[in-house]
């Protein structure tokens, strides 16, 4: 059995789209009919995320941690108890491609670290074009990258258990896990093959996560442009 873990905090606007994409990926012919179970970890949700997730056929578990490391660990533990041999992780504001799971498994490594893409930068309003340009210039969406995203991560059950799973970190729990897996000698694919599209949201769920990085990038670009405007021109001749 394959398991998919999705942490969620008040994601009623996006959870159905995420789960629809996950359902399609779970039915890919390359999986040869192997069962896939999805669990949404409801972390201090006060909206209809849980009701919507259940209506989409996902299992749910409720916690009150407001901690993405705890949420991913709880979801992984539940799926391992049900016999999952492979754990795939994504986020509630993310859409996975139809071959997402199949692509992870095709690489035949202990760990798969995928990239992310963003199609809609409009949440950043007047800064959307600035941020899109920054992302294109600085983000390496290619093979042999070194990005780690909880929105596009896969790991074998054996490797996950070998390193003790996710640490209970409020952010960078995905980086800590991958570092532990690398230190343990696990084989890792740094690949752009499993595709996901994530949001450019401005309301970060985890401080220090992808949304926070985007906001920091905007601030950096604005500071650079302001500094350039203030520097005196150098006279020629």
C-alpha atoms as a PDB file:
ATOM      1  CA  UNK A   1       0.000   0.000   0.000  1.00  0.00           C
ATOM      2  CA  UNK A   2       1.084   3.565  -0.733  1.00  0.00           C
ATOM      3  CA  UNK A   3       0.321   6.411   1.650  1.00  0.00           C
ATOM      4  CA  UNK A   4      -0.159  10.144   1.094  1.00  0.00           C
ATOM      5  CA  UNK A   5       0.056  12.629   3.963  1.00  0.00           C
ATOM      6  CA  UNK A   6      -1.431  16.130   3.732  1.00  0.00           C
ATOM      7  CA  UNK A   7      -1.205  18.492   6.729  1.00  0.00           C
ATOM      8  CA  UNK A   8      -3.919  21.135   6.801  1.00  0.00           C
ATOM      9  CA  UNK A   9      -4.831  24.181   8.866  1.00  0.00           C
ATOM     10  CA  UNK A  10      -8.062  25.875   7.752  1.00  0.00           C
ATOM     11  CA  UNK A  11      -7.792  24.898   4.084  1.00  0.00           C
ATOM     12  CA  UNK A  12     -11.484  24.674   3.132  1.00  0.00           C
ATOM     13  CA  UNK A  13     -10.882  26.779   0.016  1.00  0.00           C
ATOM     14  CA  UNK A  14      -8.184  24.516  -1.403  1.00  0.00           C
ATOM     15  CA  UNK A  15      -8.468  21.018   0.054  1.00  0.00           C
ATOM     16  CA  UNK A  16     -10.916  19.672  -2.536  1.00  0.00           C
ATOM     17  CA  UNK A  17      -8.675  20.640  -5.439  1.00  0.00           C
ATOM     18  CA  UNK A  18      -5.673  19.048  -3.743  1.00  0.00           C
ATOM     19  CA  UNK A  19      -7.527  15.815  -2.999  1.00  0.00           C
ATOM     20  CA  UNK A  20      -8.952  15.651  -6.509  1.00  0.00           C
ATOM     21  CA  UNK A  21      -5.437  15.780  -7.946  1.00  0.00           C
ATOM     22  CA  UNK A  22      -4.237  13.183  -5.438  1.00  0.00           C
ATOM     23  CA  UNK A  23      -7.103  10.866  -6.347  1.00  0.00           C
ATOM     24  CA  UNK A  24      -6.178  11.036 -10.037  1.00  0.00           C
ATOM     25  CA  UNK A  25      -2.514  10.372  -9.232  1.00  0.00           C
ATOM     26  CA  UNK A  26      -3.577   7.365  -7.142  1.00  0.00           C
ATOM     27  CA  UNK A  27      -5.243   5.775 -10.157  1.00  0.00           C
ATOM     28  CA  UNK A  28      -2.282   5.991 -12.533  1.00  0.00           C
ATOM     29  CA  UNK A  29      -1.908   2.785 -14.598  1.00  0.00           C
ATOM     30  CA  UNK A  30       1.792   2.466 -13.674  1.00  0.00           C
ATOM     31  CA  UNK A  31       0.763   1.779 -10.059  1.00  0.00           C
ATOM     32  CA  UNK A  32      -0.757  -1.511 -11.230  1.00  0.00           C
ATOM     33  CA  UNK A  33      -3.782  -1.138  -9.008  1.00  0.00           C
ATOM     34  CA  UNK A  34      -1.798  -0.939  -5.765  1.00  0.00           C
ATOM     35  CA  UNK A  35      -3.993   0.559  -3.036  1.00  0.00           C
ATOM     36  CA  UNK A  36      -3.335   4.182  -2.106  1.00  0.00           C
ATOM     37  CA  UNK A  37      -4.592   5.708   1.126  1.00  0.00           C
ATOM     38  CA  UNK A  38      -4.640   9.439   1.827  1.00  0.00           C
ATOM     39  CA  UNK A  39      -4.772  11.049   5.237  1.00  0.00           C
ATOM     40  CA  UNK A  40      -5.425  14.715   5.926  1.00  0.00           C
ATOM     41  CA  UNK A  41      -4.056  15.807   9.285  1.00  0.00           C
ATOM     42  CA  UNK A  42      -6.380  18.525  10.565  1.00  0.00           C
ATOM     43  CA  UNK A  43      -4.165  20.734  12.665  1.00  0.00           C
ATOM     44  CA  UNK A  44      -6.271  23.103  14.777  1.00  0.00           C
ATOM     45  CA  UNK A  45      -8.825  23.559  12.013  1.00  0.00           C
ATOM     46  CA  UNK A  46     -11.843  25.740  12.797  1.00  0.00           C
ATOM     47  CA  UNK A  47     -13.445  25.609   9.344  1.00  0.00           C
ATOM     48  CA  UNK A  48     -14.923  22.903   7.112  1.00  0.00           C
ATOM     49  CA  UNK A  49     -11.608  21.364   6.006  1.00  0.00           C
ATOM     50  CA  UNK A  50     -12.333  18.072   7.777  1.00  0.00           C
ATOM     51  CA  UNK A  51     -15.859  17.739   6.401  1.00  0.00           C
ATOM     52  CA  UNK A  52     -14.662  18.424   2.876  1.00  0.00           C
ATOM     53  CA  UNK A  53     -11.712  16.041   3.171  1.00  0.00           C
ATOM     54  CA  UNK A  54     -13.974  13.238   4.375  1.00  0.00           C
ATOM     55  CA  UNK A  55     -16.434  13.905   1.555  1.00  0.00           C
ATOM     56  CA  UNK A  56     -13.548  13.462  -0.879  1.00  0.00           C
ATOM     57  CA  UNK A  57     -12.787  10.021   0.554  1.00  0.00           C
ATOM     58  CA  UNK A  58      -9.693  10.885   2.585  1.00  0.00           C
ATOM     59  CA  UNK A  59      -9.053   9.686   6.104  1.00  0.00           C
ATOM     60  CA  UNK A  60      -8.683  12.444   8.663  1.00  0.00           C
ATOM     61  CA  UNK A  61      -7.076  12.803  12.050  1.00  0.00           C
ATOM     62  CA  UNK A  62      -7.355  15.851  14.290  1.00  0.00           C
ATOM     63  CA  UNK A  63      -4.552  17.395  16.312  1.00  0.00           C
ATOM     64  CA  UNK A  64      -4.090  20.711  18.108  1.00  0.00           C
ATOM     65  CA  UNK A  65      -0.400  21.376  17.552  1.00  0.00           C
ATOM     66  CA  UNK A  66      -0.145  24.177  14.966  1.00  0.00           C
ATOM     67  CA  UNK A  67       3.100  22.474  14.035  1.00  0.00           C
ATOM     68  CA  UNK A  68       3.687  21.042  10.576  1.00  0.00           C
ATOM     69  CA  UNK A  69       6.376  18.646  11.781  1.00  0.00           C
ATOM     70  CA  UNK A  70       3.937  17.107  14.242  1.00  0.00           C
ATOM     71  CA  UNK A  71       1.221  16.963  11.579  1.00  0.00           C
ATOM     72  CA  UNK A  72       3.385  15.160   9.039  1.00  0.00           C
ATOM     73  CA  UNK A  73       4.676  12.756  11.704  1.00  0.00           C
ATOM     74  CA  UNK A  74       1.157  11.916  12.909  1.00  0.00           C
ATOM     75  CA  UNK A  75      -0.037  11.261   9.382  1.00  0.00           C
ATOM     76  CA  UNK A  76       2.978   9.107   8.565  1.00  0.00           C
ATOM     77  CA  UNK A  77       2.552   7.067  11.747  1.00  0.00           C
ATOM     78  CA  UNK A  78      -1.093   6.356  10.939  1.00  0.00           C
ATOM     79  CA  UNK A  79      -0.292   5.180   7.418  1.00  0.00           C
ATOM     80  CA  UNK A  80       2.673   3.074   8.519  1.00  0.00           C
ATOM     81  CA  UNK A  81       0.368   1.338  10.999  1.00  0.00           C
ATOM     82  CA  UNK A  82      -1.904   0.494   8.068  1.00  0.00           C
ATOM     83  CA  UNK A  83       0.976  -1.081   6.144  1.00  0.00           C
ATOM     84  CA  UNK A  84       2.222   1.667   3.853  1.00  0.00           C
ATOM     85  CA  UNK A  85       5.479   0.784   2.093  1.00  0.00           C
ATOM     86  CA  UNK A  86       5.931   4.265   0.616  1.00  0.00           C
ATOM     87  CA  UNK A  87       5.028   7.678   2.048  1.00  0.00           C
ATOM     88  CA  UNK A  88       4.348  10.634  -0.238  1.00  0.00           C
ATOM     89  CA  UNK A  89       3.908  14.116   1.208  1.00  0.00           C
ATOM     90  CA  UNK A  90       2.250  17.182  -0.231  1.00  0.00           C
ATOM     91  CA  UNK A  91       0.410  20.270   1.038  1.00  0.00           C
ATOM     92  CA  UNK A  92      -3.230  21.295   0.984  1.00  0.00           C
ATOM     93  CA  UNK A  93      -2.525  24.293  -1.277  1.00  0.00           C
ATOM     94  CA  UNK A  94      -0.837  22.094  -3.878  1.00  0.00           C
ATOM     95  CA  UNK A  95      -2.006  20.200  -6.970  1.00  0.00           C
ATOM     96  CA  UNK A  96      -0.011  17.101  -7.893  1.00  0.00           C
ATOM     97  CA  UNK A  97       0.364  15.831 -11.441  1.00  0.00           C
ATOM     98  CA  UNK A  98      -1.425  12.690 -12.566  1.00  0.00           C
ATOM     99  CA  UNK A  99       1.875  10.744 -12.633  1.00  0.00           C
ATOM    100  CA  UNK A 100       3.179  12.209  -9.355  1.00  0.00           C
ATOM    101  CA  UNK A 101       3.175   8.963  -7.384  1.00  0.00           C
ATOM    102  CA  UNK A 102       4.192   6.853 -10.361  1.00  0.00           C
ATOM    103  CA  UNK A 103       7.135   9.160 -11.029  1.00  0.00           C
ATOM    104  CA  UNK A 104       8.332   8.941  -7.419  1.00  0.00           C
ATOM    105  CA  UNK A 105       8.274   5.148  -7.457  1.00  0.00           C
ATOM    106  CA  UNK A 106       9.855   4.868 -10.909  1.00  0.00           C
ATOM    107  CA  UNK A 107      13.090   6.372  -9.584  1.00  0.00           C
ATOM    108  CA  UNK A 108      13.656   3.378  -7.304  1.00  0.00           C
ATOM    109  CA  UNK A 109      15.476   5.279  -4.573  1.00  0.00           C
ATOM    110  CA  UNK A 110      14.856   5.579  -0.840  1.00  0.00           C
ATOM    111  CA  UNK A 111      13.983   9.268  -1.065  1.00  0.00           C
ATOM    112  CA  UNK A 112      12.583  11.508  -3.799  1.00  0.00           C
ATOM    113  CA  UNK A 113      12.955  15.291  -3.471  1.00  0.00           C
ATOM    114  CA  UNK A 114      10.889  17.046  -6.129  1.00  0.00           C
ATOM    115  CA  UNK A 115      10.578  20.651  -7.199  1.00  0.00           C
ATOM    116  CA  UNK A 116       7.567  22.982  -7.176  1.00  0.00           C
ATOM    117  CA  UNK A 117       6.106  25.350  -9.729  1.00  0.00           C
ATOM    118  CA  UNK A 118       3.738  28.297  -9.380  1.00  0.00           C
ATOM    119  CA  UNK A 119       1.214  29.250 -12.051  1.00  0.00           C
ATOM    120  CA  UNK A 120      -0.634  32.086 -10.332  1.00  0.00           C
ATOM    121  CA  UNK A 121       1.351  34.903  -8.757  1.00  0.00           C
ATOM    122  CA  UNK A 122      -1.639  37.239  -8.445  1.00  0.00           C
ATOM    123  CA  UNK A 123      -1.953  36.941  -4.627  1.00  0.00           C
ATOM    124  CA  UNK A 124       1.066  39.256  -4.489  1.00  0.00           C
ATOM    125  CA  UNK A 125      -0.814  41.999  -6.300  1.00  0.00           C
ATOM    126  CA  UNK A 126       1.429  44.732  -7.663  1.00  0.00           C
ATOM    127  CA  UNK A 127       4.499  42.684  -6.725  1.00  0.00           C
ATOM    128  CA  UNK A 128       3.414  39.625  -8.731  1.00  0.00           C
ATOM    129  CA  UNK A 129       5.597  40.297 -11.783  1.00  0.00           C
ATOM    130  CA  UNK A 130       8.581  41.143  -9.579  1.00  0.00           C
ATOM    131  CA  UNK A 131       8.270  37.894  -7.655  1.00  0.00           C
ATOM    132  CA  UNK A 132       7.708  35.776 -10.736  1.00  0.00           C
ATOM    133  CA  UNK A 133      10.885  37.191 -12.273  1.00  0.00           C
ATOM    134  CA  UNK A 134      12.819  36.544  -9.067  1.00  0.00           C
ATOM    135  CA  UNK A 135      11.601  32.935  -8.950  1.00  0.00           C
ATOM    136  CA  UNK A 136      12.561  32.265 -12.553  1.00  0.00           C
ATOM    137  CA  UNK A 137      16.017  33.721 -12.024  1.00  0.00           C
ATOM    138  CA  UNK A 138      16.863  32.018  -8.740  1.00  0.00           C
ATOM    139  CA  UNK A 139      14.932  28.730  -8.580  1.00  0.00           C
ATOM    140  CA  UNK A 140      16.436  25.621 -10.179  1.00  0.00           C
ATOM    141  CA  UNK A 141      13.604  23.450 -11.501  1.00  0.00           C
ATOM    142  CA  UNK A 142      15.846  20.783 -12.979  1.00  0.00           C
ATOM    143  CA  UNK A 143      17.544  17.492 -12.301  1.00  0.00           C
ATOM    144  CA  UNK A 144      20.209  17.458  -9.572  1.00  0.00           C
ATOM    145  CA  UNK A 145      18.687  20.461  -7.808  1.00  0.00           C
ATOM    146  CA  UNK A 146      19.011  20.679  -4.021  1.00  0.00           C
ATOM    147  CA  UNK A 147      15.552  21.902  -3.058  1.00  0.00           C
ATOM    148  CA  UNK A 148      13.525  20.228  -0.325  1.00  0.00           C
ATOM    149  CA  UNK A 149       9.769  20.751  -0.289  1.00  0.00           C
ATOM    150  CA  UNK A 150       7.236  19.070   1.955  1.00  0.00           C
ATOM    151  CA  UNK A 151       4.810  19.680  -0.921  1.00  0.00           C
ATOM    152  CA  UNK A 152       6.731  17.245  -3.139  1.00  0.00           C
ATOM    153  CA  UNK A 153       8.526  14.620  -1.117  1.00  0.00           C
ATOM    154  CA  UNK A 154       8.538  10.827  -1.066  1.00  0.00           C
ATOM    155  CA  UNK A 155      10.310   8.305   1.141  1.00  0.00           C
ATOM    156  CA  UNK A 156      10.214   4.562   1.611  1.00  0.00           C
ATOM    157  CA  UNK A 157       8.735   3.335   4.864  1.00  0.00           C
ATOM    158  CA  UNK A 158      11.968   1.533   5.720  1.00  0.00           C
ATOM    159  CA  UNK A 159      14.109   4.645   5.265  1.00  0.00           C
ATOM    160  CA  UNK A 160      11.643   6.814   7.167  1.00  0.00           C
ATOM    161  CA  UNK A 161      11.645   4.462  10.133  1.00  0.00           C
ATOM    162  CA  UNK A 162      15.429   4.138  10.017  1.00  0.00           C
ATOM    163  CA  UNK A 163      15.889   7.811  10.887  1.00  0.00           C
ATOM    164  CA  UNK A 164      12.948   8.155  13.262  1.00  0.00           C
ATOM    165  CA  UNK A 165      10.677  10.168  10.983  1.00  0.00           C
ATOM    166  CA  UNK A 166       9.845  13.855  11.116  1.00  0.00           C
ATOM    167  CA  UNK A 167      11.067  15.962  13.973  1.00  0.00           C
ATOM    168  CA  UNK A 168       8.412  18.105  15.626  1.00  0.00           C
ATOM    169  CA  UNK A 169       9.569  21.356  14.057  1.00  0.00           C
ATOM    170  CA  UNK A 170       7.327  24.306  13.237  1.00  0.00           C
ATOM    171  CA  UNK A 171       9.215  24.767   9.950  1.00  0.00           C
ATOM    172  CA  UNK A 172      12.029  23.102   7.967  1.00  0.00           C
ATOM    173  CA  UNK A 173      10.858  19.711   9.215  1.00  0.00           C
ATOM    174  CA  UNK A 174      11.233  18.475   5.637  1.00  0.00           C
ATOM    175  CA  UNK A 175      14.842  19.679   5.417  1.00  0.00           C
ATOM    176  CA  UNK A 176      15.688  18.059   8.754  1.00  0.00           C
ATOM    177  CA  UNK A 177      14.227  14.739   7.592  1.00  0.00           C
ATOM    178  CA  UNK A 178      16.102  14.741   4.295  1.00  0.00           C
ATOM    179  CA  UNK A 179      19.356  15.684   6.029  1.00  0.00           C
ATOM    180  CA  UNK A 180      18.896  12.744   8.407  1.00  0.00           C
ATOM    181  CA  UNK A 181      18.179  10.415   5.485  1.00  0.00           C
ATOM    182  CA  UNK A 182      21.288  11.589   3.623  1.00  0.00           C
ATOM    183  CA  UNK A 183      23.398  11.151   6.777  1.00  0.00           C
ATOM    184  CA  UNK A 184      22.012   7.625   7.119  1.00  0.00           C
ATOM    185  CA  UNK A 185      23.277   6.752   3.646  1.00  0.00           C
ATOM    186  CA  UNK A 186      19.870   6.544   1.972  1.00  0.00           C
ATOM    187  CA  UNK A 187      19.727   6.917  -1.795  1.00  0.00           C
ATOM    188  CA  UNK A 188      18.159  10.222  -2.841  1.00  0.00           C
ATOM    189  CA  UNK A 189      16.767  11.414  -6.175  1.00  0.00           C
ATOM    190  CA  UNK A 190      16.980  15.185  -6.549  1.00  0.00           C
ATOM    191  CA  UNK A 191      14.612  15.395  -9.462  1.00  0.00           C
ATOM    192  CA  UNK A 192      12.080  17.515 -11.304  1.00  0.00           C
ATOM    193  CA  UNK A 193      10.234  14.441 -12.585  1.00  0.00           C
ATOM    194  CA  UNK A 194       7.343  14.320 -10.058  1.00  0.00           C
ATOM    195  CA  UNK A 195       5.459  17.555 -10.795  1.00  0.00           C
ATOM    196  CA  UNK A 196       3.393  19.692  -8.437  1.00  0.00           C
ATOM    197  CA  UNK A 197       1.909  23.181  -8.666  1.00  0.00           C
ATOM    198  CA  UNK A 198       1.730  25.064  -5.395  1.00  0.00           C
ATOM    199  CA  UNK A 199       0.202  28.375  -4.409  1.00  0.00           C
ATOM    200  CA  UNK A 200       1.883  31.747  -4.044  1.00  0.00           C
ATOM    201  CA  UNK A 201      -0.203  32.489  -0.973  1.00  0.00           C
ATOM    202  CA  UNK A 202       0.662  35.453   1.201  1.00  0.00           C
ATOM    203  CA  UNK A 203      -0.868  34.052   4.398  1.00  0.00           C
ATOM    204  CA  UNK A 204       1.889  31.679   5.447  1.00  0.00           C
ATOM    205  CA  UNK A 205       0.714  28.612   7.391  1.00  0.00           C
ATOM    206  CA  UNK A 206       4.207  27.795   8.670  1.00  0.00           C
ATOM    207  CA  UNK A 207       6.615  30.607   9.481  1.00  0.00           C
ATOM    208  CA  UNK A 208       9.784  30.043   7.502  1.00  0.00           C
ATOM    209  CA  UNK A 209       8.058  27.911   4.865  1.00  0.00           C
ATOM    210  CA  UNK A 210       7.566  28.469   1.131  1.00  0.00           C
ATOM    211  CA  UNK A 211       5.071  31.317   1.534  1.00  0.00           C
ATOM    212  CA  UNK A 212       7.414  33.073   3.928  1.00  0.00           C
ATOM    213  CA  UNK A 213      10.286  32.634   1.491  1.00  0.00           C
ATOM    214  CA  UNK A 214       8.228  34.313  -1.222  1.00  0.00           C
ATOM    215  CA  UNK A 215       7.452  37.265   1.023  1.00  0.00           C
ATOM    216  CA  UNK A 216      11.137  37.576   1.912  1.00  0.00           C
ATOM    217  CA  UNK A 217      11.996  37.522  -1.776  1.00  0.00           C
ATOM    218  CA  UNK A 218       9.618  40.401  -2.437  1.00  0.00           C
ATOM    219  CA  UNK A 219      11.187  42.396   0.388  1.00  0.00           C
ATOM    220  CA  UNK A 220      14.664  41.632  -0.932  1.00  0.00           C
ATOM    221  CA  UNK A 221      13.837  42.720  -4.470  1.00  0.00           C
ATOM    222  CA  UNK A 222      12.176  45.913  -3.260  1.00  0.00           C
ATOM    223  CA  UNK A 223      15.188  46.741  -1.094  1.00  0.00           C
ATOM    224  CA  UNK A 224      17.529  46.137  -4.031  1.00  0.00           C
ATOM    225  CA  UNK A 225      15.501  48.351  -6.364  1.00  0.00           C
ATOM    226  CA  UNK A 226      15.274  51.101  -3.752  1.00  0.00           C
ATOM    227  CA  UNK A 227      19.021  50.951  -3.144  1.00  0.00           C
ATOM    228  CA  UNK A 228      19.761  51.147  -6.861  1.00  0.00           C
ATOM    229  CA  UNK A 229      17.505  54.177  -7.231  1.00  0.00           C
ATOM    230  CA  UNK A 230      19.295  55.962  -4.400  1.00  0.00           C
ATOM    231  CA  UNK A 231      22.842  55.323  -5.674  1.00  0.00           C
ATOM    232  CA  UNK A 232      24.313  58.305  -7.589  1.00  0.00           C
ATOM    233  CA  UNK A 233      24.968  57.783 -11.264  1.00  0.00           C
ATOM    234  CA  UNK A 234      28.627  57.375 -12.292  1.00  0.00           C
ATOM    235  CA  UNK A 235      29.653  60.036 -14.785  1.00  0.00           C
ATOM    236  CA  UNK A 236      31.292  58.790 -17.930  1.00  0.00           C
ATOM    237  CA  UNK A 237      34.293  60.137 -19.846  1.00  0.00           C
END
